Amino acid sequence: MRDAELGDLVWRLTRDLSAVEEDGAPVGLLKKSTGFKLVPVQHPAIDGFALYTKALLPSGMYPAVKGSVATFKVDNILATYAFKNQYQSEIGDLVGCITKNIGKLQTVDGFHEKWRDVDPLDIDRIKWPAHPAAVAAIKRMSLGKK
């Protein structure tokens, strides 16, 4: 895939996310519903689990919720099946395109605001094994090679 094709794919995926989220919060059914209760989630075992980060749903996010609700969130990740021989260049191209264009994804109008939270160079933050093609692409981009 060429950079332009990958960029277009990322743009379309990002634009589609806005139908699911608005300002980082789910829309639709929960925003319109009043007959539900969100239960706070707090547990020391989850605190140490590297895939989740503590979060707080602010009061007023949903009409039915009176007060803030403690919970956990899953940080932004790009996940793929651990292909051994297939799609190596495509995975590397996609990650390279995101890394190369992260500044645009984070600042240009039309892209989802959650791109501002993405740091493609921070591959060790989440304790999942990183795909070798993705690691190679990130290293190339961080060294200024294409």
C-alpha atoms as a PDB file:
ATOM      1  CA  MET A   1       0.000   0.000   0.000  1.00  0.00           C
ATOM      2  CA  ARG A   2       1.183   3.497  -0.747  1.00  0.00           C
ATOM      3  CA  ASP A   3       1.223   6.259   1.894  1.00  0.00           C
ATOM      4  CA  ALA A   4      -1.744   7.992   0.216  1.00  0.00           C
ATOM      5  CA  GLU A   5      -3.836   4.803   0.352  1.00  0.00           C
ATOM      6  CA  LEU A   6      -2.900   4.161   3.975  1.00  0.00           C
ATOM      7  CA  GLY A   7      -3.592   7.771   4.878  1.00  0.00           C
ATOM      8  CA  ASP A   8      -7.020   7.554   3.247  1.00  0.00           C
ATOM      9  CA  LEU A   9      -7.759   4.313   5.121  1.00  0.00           C
ATOM     10  CA  VAL A  10      -6.729   5.849   8.471  1.00  0.00           C
ATOM     11  CA  TRP A  11      -8.822   8.953   7.706  1.00  0.00           C
ATOM     12  CA  ARG A  12     -11.912   6.857   6.882  1.00  0.00           C
ATOM     13  CA  LEU A  13     -11.507   4.713  10.001  1.00  0.00           C
ATOM     14  CA  THR A  14     -11.056   7.811  12.144  1.00  0.00           C
ATOM     15  CA  ARG A  15     -14.108   9.508  10.651  1.00  0.00           C
ATOM     16  CA  ASP A  16     -16.181   6.341  11.230  1.00  0.00           C
ATOM     17  CA  LEU A  17     -15.226   6.352  14.930  1.00  0.00           C
ATOM     18  CA  SER A  18     -17.008   9.676  15.367  1.00  0.00           C
ATOM     19  CA  ALA A  19     -20.287   7.820  14.809  1.00  0.00           C
ATOM     20  CA  VAL A  20     -19.503   5.643  17.848  1.00  0.00           C
ATOM     21  CA  GLU A  21     -17.962   8.247  20.137  1.00  0.00           C
ATOM     22  CA  GLU A  22     -18.407  11.913  20.762  1.00  0.00           C
ATOM     23  CA  ASP A  23     -15.758  13.710  22.798  1.00  0.00           C
ATOM     24  CA  GLY A  24     -14.441  10.323  23.882  1.00  0.00           C
ATOM     25  CA  ALA A  25     -17.810   9.138  25.229  1.00  0.00           C
ATOM     26  CA  PRO A  26     -20.297   6.673  23.740  1.00  0.00           C
ATOM     27  CA  VAL A  27     -23.348   8.266  22.159  1.00  0.00           C
ATOM     28  CA  GLY A  28     -26.741   7.015  21.132  1.00  0.00           C
ATOM     29  CA  LEU A  29     -28.551   4.621  23.414  1.00  0.00           C
ATOM     30  CA  LEU A  30     -26.789   5.596  26.666  1.00  0.00           C
ATOM     31  CA  LYS A  31     -27.120   9.325  26.036  1.00  0.00           C
ATOM     32  CA  LYS A  32     -30.865   8.933  25.445  1.00  0.00           C
ATOM     33  CA  SER A  33     -31.631   6.327  28.129  1.00  0.00           C
ATOM     34  CA  THR A  34     -32.624   7.060  31.688  1.00  0.00           C
ATOM     35  CA  GLY A  35     -33.322   3.604  33.163  1.00  0.00           C
ATOM     36  CA  PHE A  36     -29.804   2.381  33.922  1.00  0.00           C
ATOM     37  CA  LYS A  37     -27.133   2.720  36.583  1.00  0.00           C
ATOM     38  CA  LEU A  38     -23.370   2.688  36.130  1.00  0.00           C
ATOM     39  CA  VAL A  39     -21.600   0.824  38.916  1.00  0.00           C
ATOM     40  CA  PRO A  40     -18.153   2.050  40.008  1.00  0.00           C
ATOM     41  CA  VAL A  41     -15.347  -0.399  39.247  1.00  0.00           C
ATOM     42  CA  GLN A  42     -12.453  -0.354  41.692  1.00  0.00           C
ATOM     43  CA  HIS A  43     -10.180  -3.227  42.630  1.00  0.00           C
ATOM     44  CA  PRO A  44      -6.475  -3.458  43.566  1.00  0.00           C
ATOM     45  CA  ALA A  45      -5.956  -6.425  41.222  1.00  0.00           C
ATOM     46  CA  ILE A  46      -6.992  -4.287  38.257  1.00  0.00           C
ATOM     47  CA  ASP A  47      -4.787  -1.384  39.397  1.00  0.00           C
ATOM     48  CA  GLY A  48      -1.664  -3.398  38.646  1.00  0.00           C
ATOM     49  CA  PHE A  49      -2.896  -4.845  35.362  1.00  0.00           C
ATOM     50  CA  ALA A  50      -0.970  -2.977  32.680  1.00  0.00           C
ATOM     51  CA  LEU A  51      -3.715  -3.067  30.043  1.00  0.00           C
ATOM     52  CA  TYR A  52      -6.102  -0.832  31.978  1.00  0.00           C
ATOM     53  CA  THR A  53      -5.847   2.738  33.229  1.00  0.00           C
ATOM     54  CA  LYS A  54      -8.006   4.285  35.935  1.00  0.00           C
ATOM     55  CA  ALA A  55     -10.635   6.637  34.547  1.00  0.00           C
ATOM     56  CA  LEU A  56     -13.493   8.737  35.829  1.00  0.00           C
ATOM     57  CA  LEU A  57     -16.766   9.207  33.978  1.00  0.00           C
ATOM     58  CA  PRO A  58     -17.714  12.766  34.902  1.00  0.00           C
ATOM     59  CA  SER A  59     -21.076  13.751  36.285  1.00  0.00           C
ATOM     60  CA  GLY A  60     -23.424  14.791  33.509  1.00  0.00           C
ATOM     61  CA  MET A  61     -21.933  12.537  30.842  1.00  0.00           C
ATOM     62  CA  TYR A  62     -25.177  10.557  30.814  1.00  0.00           C
ATOM     63  CA  PRO A  63     -28.568  11.923  31.895  1.00  0.00           C
ATOM     64  CA  ALA A  64     -29.286   8.922  34.145  1.00  0.00           C
ATOM     65  CA  VAL A  65     -25.999   9.184  36.070  1.00  0.00           C
ATOM     66  CA  LYS A  66     -25.924  11.518  39.050  1.00  0.00           C
ATOM     67  CA  GLY A  67     -22.300  12.022  40.035  1.00  0.00           C
ATOM     68  CA  SER A  68     -18.951  10.783  38.768  1.00  0.00           C
ATOM     69  CA  VAL A  69     -18.282   7.063  38.330  1.00  0.00           C
ATOM     70  CA  ALA A  70     -14.858   5.453  38.847  1.00  0.00           C
ATOM     71  CA  THR A  71     -13.940   2.907  36.183  1.00  0.00           C
ATOM     72  CA  PHE A  72     -11.083   1.699  34.001  1.00  0.00           C
ATOM     73  CA  LYS A  73     -10.339   2.319  30.347  1.00  0.00           C
ATOM     74  CA  VAL A  74      -8.369   0.453  27.751  1.00  0.00           C
ATOM     75  CA  ASP A  75      -5.610   2.621  26.338  1.00  0.00           C
ATOM     76  CA  ASN A  76      -5.312   3.115  22.599  1.00  0.00           C
ATOM     77  CA  ILE A  77      -3.713   0.187  20.821  1.00  0.00           C
ATOM     78  CA  LEU A  78      -3.433  -1.056  17.279  1.00  0.00           C
ATOM     79  CA  ALA A  79      -3.793  -4.824  17.473  1.00  0.00           C
ATOM     80  CA  THR A  80      -3.271  -7.446  14.801  1.00  0.00           C
ATOM     81  CA  TYR A  81      -3.078 -11.200  14.617  1.00  0.00           C
ATOM     82  CA  ALA A  82       0.503 -12.432  14.983  1.00  0.00           C
ATOM     83  CA  PHE A  83       1.013 -13.268  11.310  1.00  0.00           C
ATOM     84  CA  LYS A  84       4.315 -15.119  10.923  1.00  0.00           C
ATOM     85  CA  ASN A  85       4.895 -14.702   7.199  1.00  0.00           C
ATOM     86  CA  GLN A  86       1.867 -12.938   5.747  1.00  0.00           C
ATOM     87  CA  TYR A  87       1.190  -9.209   5.668  1.00  0.00           C
ATOM     88  CA  GLN A  88       4.561  -8.215   7.124  1.00  0.00           C
ATOM     89  CA  SER A  89       5.066  -5.319   4.707  1.00  0.00           C
ATOM     90  CA  GLU A  90       1.424  -4.200   5.008  1.00  0.00           C
ATOM     91  CA  ILE A  91       1.598  -4.105   8.807  1.00  0.00           C
ATOM     92  CA  GLY A  92       4.901  -2.247   8.637  1.00  0.00           C
ATOM     93  CA  ASP A  93       3.492   0.170   6.033  1.00  0.00           C
ATOM     94  CA  LEU A  94       0.400   0.924   8.124  1.00  0.00           C
ATOM     95  CA  VAL A  95       2.369   1.523  11.333  1.00  0.00           C
ATOM     96  CA  GLY A  96       4.943   3.560   9.419  1.00  0.00           C
ATOM     97  CA  CYS A  97       2.206   5.681   7.854  1.00  0.00           C
ATOM     98  CA  ILE A  98       0.596   6.345  11.246  1.00  0.00           C
ATOM     99  CA  THR A  99       3.970   7.163  12.808  1.00  0.00           C
ATOM    100  CA  LYS A 100       4.943   9.439   9.921  1.00  0.00           C
ATOM    101  CA  ASN A 101       1.603  11.272   9.946  1.00  0.00           C
ATOM    102  CA  ILE A 102       0.845  11.350  13.684  1.00  0.00           C
ATOM    103  CA  GLY A 103       1.251  15.136  13.783  1.00  0.00           C
ATOM    104  CA  LYS A 104      -1.492  15.575  11.170  1.00  0.00           C
ATOM    105  CA  LEU A 105      -3.724  12.978  12.826  1.00  0.00           C
ATOM    106  CA  GLN A 106      -3.397  14.871  16.118  1.00  0.00           C
ATOM    107  CA  THR A 107      -3.915  18.419  14.844  1.00  0.00           C
ATOM    108  CA  VAL A 108      -5.882  18.551  11.587  1.00  0.00           C
ATOM    109  CA  ASP A 109      -9.639  19.065  11.840  1.00  0.00           C
ATOM    110  CA  GLY A 110     -11.655  16.036  10.806  1.00  0.00           C
ATOM    111  CA  PHE A 111      -9.569  13.433  12.622  1.00  0.00           C
ATOM    112  CA  HIS A 112     -10.834  11.924  15.867  1.00  0.00           C
ATOM    113  CA  GLU A 113      -9.615  13.704  18.994  1.00  0.00           C
ATOM    114  CA  LYS A 114      -8.357  10.440  20.498  1.00  0.00           C
ATOM    115  CA  TRP A 115      -5.414  10.574  18.060  1.00  0.00           C
ATOM    116  CA  ARG A 116      -4.019  13.234  20.455  1.00  0.00           C
ATOM    117  CA  ASP A 117      -3.487  10.463  23.012  1.00  0.00           C
ATOM    118  CA  VAL A 118      -1.524   8.239  20.610  1.00  0.00           C
ATOM    119  CA  ASP A 119       2.262   8.036  20.871  1.00  0.00           C
ATOM    120  CA  PRO A 120       3.458   5.465  18.343  1.00  0.00           C
ATOM    121  CA  LEU A 121       6.951   5.513  19.843  1.00  0.00           C
ATOM    122  CA  ASP A 122       5.650   4.398  23.263  1.00  0.00           C
ATOM    123  CA  ILE A 123       5.380   0.709  22.388  1.00  0.00           C
ATOM    124  CA  ASP A 124       6.399  -0.511  25.844  1.00  0.00           C
ATOM    125  CA  ARG A 125       3.565   1.179  27.779  1.00  0.00           C
ATOM    126  CA  ILE A 126       1.107  -1.646  27.184  1.00  0.00           C
ATOM    127  CA  LYS A 127       2.472  -5.029  28.165  1.00  0.00           C
ATOM    128  CA  TRP A 128       1.514  -6.904  25.007  1.00  0.00           C
ATOM    129  CA  PRO A 129       4.093  -8.283  22.619  1.00  0.00           C
ATOM    130  CA  ALA A 130       4.652  -5.835  19.772  1.00  0.00           C
ATOM    131  CA  HIS A 131       4.509  -7.167  16.224  1.00  0.00           C
ATOM    132  CA  PRO A 132       8.054  -7.387  14.746  1.00  0.00           C
ATOM    133  CA  ALA A 133       7.011  -5.546  11.558  1.00  0.00           C
ATOM    134  CA  ALA A 134       5.470  -2.755  13.649  1.00  0.00           C
ATOM    135  CA  VAL A 135       8.568  -2.479  15.843  1.00  0.00           C
ATOM    136  CA  ALA A 136      10.801  -2.309  12.768  1.00  0.00           C
ATOM    137  CA  ALA A 137       8.616   0.408  11.204  1.00  0.00           C
ATOM    138  CA  ILE A 138       8.616   2.475  14.388  1.00  0.00           C
ATOM    139  CA  LYS A 139      12.388   2.166  14.725  1.00  0.00           C
ATOM    140  CA  ARG A 140      12.853   3.224  11.091  1.00  0.00           C
ATOM    141  CA  MET A 141      10.585   6.242  11.544  1.00  0.00           C
ATOM    142  CA  SER A 142      12.184   7.263  14.853  1.00  0.00           C
ATOM    143  CA  LEU A 143      15.605   7.191  13.184  1.00  0.00           C
ATOM    144  CA  GLY A 144      14.294   9.317  10.326  1.00  0.00           C
ATOM    145  CA  LYS A 145      14.455   6.557   7.726  1.00  0.00           C
ATOM    146  CA  LYS A 146      11.552   5.726   5.462  1.00  0.00           C
END
